[in-house]
Protein backbone atom coordinates (compact mmCIF):
# COMPACT_ATOMS: atom_id res chain seq x y z
CA MET A 1 -13.06 -5.46 4.49
CA ASP A 2 -13.00 -7.03 1.02
CA ILE A 3 -10.16 -8.31 -1.15
CA LYS A 4 -9.77 -4.99 -2.97
CA GLN A 5 -9.43 -3.08 0.29
CA LEU A 6 -6.91 -5.59 1.63
CA THR A 7 -4.96 -5.37 -1.62
CA ASP A 8 -4.96 -1.56 -1.37
CA LEU A 9 -3.60 -1.77 2.18
CA MET A 10 -0.88 -4.16 1.03
CA ASP A 11 -0.05 -1.83 -1.86
CA GLN A 12 0.21 1.15 0.51
CA PHE A 13 2.55 -0.84 2.75
CA VAL A 14 4.79 -1.92 -0.15
CA THR A 15 4.85 1.64 -1.49
CA SER A 16 5.76 3.03 1.94
CA LYS A 17 8.74 0.66 2.12
CA GLY A 18 9.95 1.72 -1.35
CA TRP A 19 9.80 -1.82 -2.72
CA TYR A 20 8.33 -0.70 -6.06
CA LYS A 21 11.36 1.47 -6.79
CA PRO A 22 13.72 0.18 -9.50
CA ASP A 23 16.67 0.02 -7.07
CA SER A 24 14.74 -1.77 -4.32
CA LYS A 25 16.43 -4.61 -2.47
CA ARG A 26 13.01 -6.30 -2.47
CA PRO A 27 11.84 -5.91 -6.08
CA GLN A 28 8.18 -6.77 -6.47
CA LEU A 29 8.57 -9.18 -9.36
CA PRO A 30 6.22 -12.15 -9.85
CA LYS A 31 9.05 -14.67 -9.34
CA ASN A 32 10.16 -13.02 -6.10
CA ILE A 33 6.67 -12.82 -4.69
CA ALA A 34 5.83 -16.40 -5.74
CA LEU A 35 8.99 -17.62 -4.00
CA SER A 36 8.08 -15.67 -0.88
CA LEU A 37 4.56 -17.10 -1.00
CA SER A 38 5.99 -20.62 -1.15
CA ILE A 39 8.35 -19.95 1.75
CA GLU A 40 5.54 -18.57 3.89
CA THR A 41 3.39 -21.57 3.03
CA ALA A 42 6.17 -23.82 4.30
CA GLU A 43 6.15 -21.83 7.54
CA VAL A 44 2.43 -22.63 7.87
CA LEU A 45 3.33 -26.31 7.54
CA GLU A 46 5.94 -26.02 10.28
CA HIS A 47 3.15 -25.28 12.75
CA LEU A 48 1.55 -28.61 11.86
CA GLN A 49 4.66 -30.75 11.67
CA TRP A 50 4.27 -33.67 14.10
CA ARG A 51 0.87 -32.48 15.37
CA GLU A 52 -2.75 -32.37 14.26
CA ILE A 53 -3.41 -28.75 15.24
CA PRO A 54 -1.08 -25.79 15.78
CA GLU A 55 0.15 -25.29 19.33
CA ASP A 56 0.22 -21.50 19.01
CA SER A 57 -2.88 -20.29 17.17
CA GLN A 58 -1.73 -16.66 17.21
CA ALA A 59 1.58 -17.47 15.52
CA PHE A 60 -0.25 -19.79 13.11
CA GLY A 61 -2.65 -16.98 12.24
CA GLN A 62 0.27 -14.66 11.53
CA GLU A 63 1.71 -17.18 9.08
CA LEU A 64 -1.67 -17.52 7.37
CA ALA A 65 -1.79 -13.73 7.11
CA ASP A 66 1.67 -13.70 5.51
CA VAL A 67 0.47 -16.21 2.91
CA ALA A 68 -2.64 -14.15 2.19
CA LEU A 69 -0.66 -10.92 1.86
CA TYR A 70 1.83 -12.43 -0.58
CA LEU A 71 -1.06 -13.91 -2.57
CA LEU A 72 -2.75 -10.50 -2.76
CA GLN A 73 0.52 -8.91 -3.84
CA LEU A 74 1.16 -11.56 -6.50
CA ALA A 75 -2.31 -11.04 -7.94
CA LYS A 76 -1.84 -7.26 -7.93
CA ILE A 77 1.50 -7.19 -9.71
CA THR A 78 0.30 -9.67 -12.34
CA ASP A 79 -2.97 -7.77 -12.91
CA ILE A 80 -5.15 -10.64 -11.77
CA ASP A 81 -8.55 -9.80 -10.30
CA LEU A 82 -8.27 -12.31 -7.48
CA GLU A 83 -11.82 -11.81 -6.27
CA GLN A 84 -13.23 -12.62 -9.72
CA GLU A 85 -10.88 -15.58 -10.15
CA ILE A 86 -11.97 -16.99 -6.79
CA ILE A 87 -15.63 -16.64 -7.75
CA LYS A 88 -14.99 -18.33 -11.13
CA LYS A 89 -13.07 -21.15 -9.46
CA LEU A 90 -15.80 -21.74 -6.89
CA ARG A 91 -18.38 -21.94 -9.69
CA ALA A 92 -16.21 -24.37 -11.63
CA ASN A 93 -15.65 -26.49 -8.53
CA GLN A 94 -19.41 -26.70 -7.96
CA GLN A 95 -19.64 -28.57 -11.26
CA ARG A 96 -16.93 -31.07 -10.30
CA GLU A 97 -17.42 -34.43 -8.65
CA TRP A 98 -15.07 -35.77 -5.99
CA ASP A 99 -14.73 -39.18 -4.40
CA GLN A 100 -16.89 -40.95 -6.94
CA GLU A 101 -16.62 -44.75 -6.82
């Protein structure tokens, strides 16, 4: 499954919950989704607090999935082609130098 297909599944889920409706209690606004993304990212960090690897890999994977889903949703509602942006960023990073003395 590619990014577009995952985004479509996320969109279907959000639509089915009615979160795109103007009177939604979970309005799909960039600020709201970015905040949710940050919160979920903090939950990823909780699994690593005071340890080198997560104790519960299944729960850790679920948190990573939450982060990915919010990222897909944020890209969708801001009309960002995330797949193309990732490709461009990887190409740009290939030109960069790290850890040069």
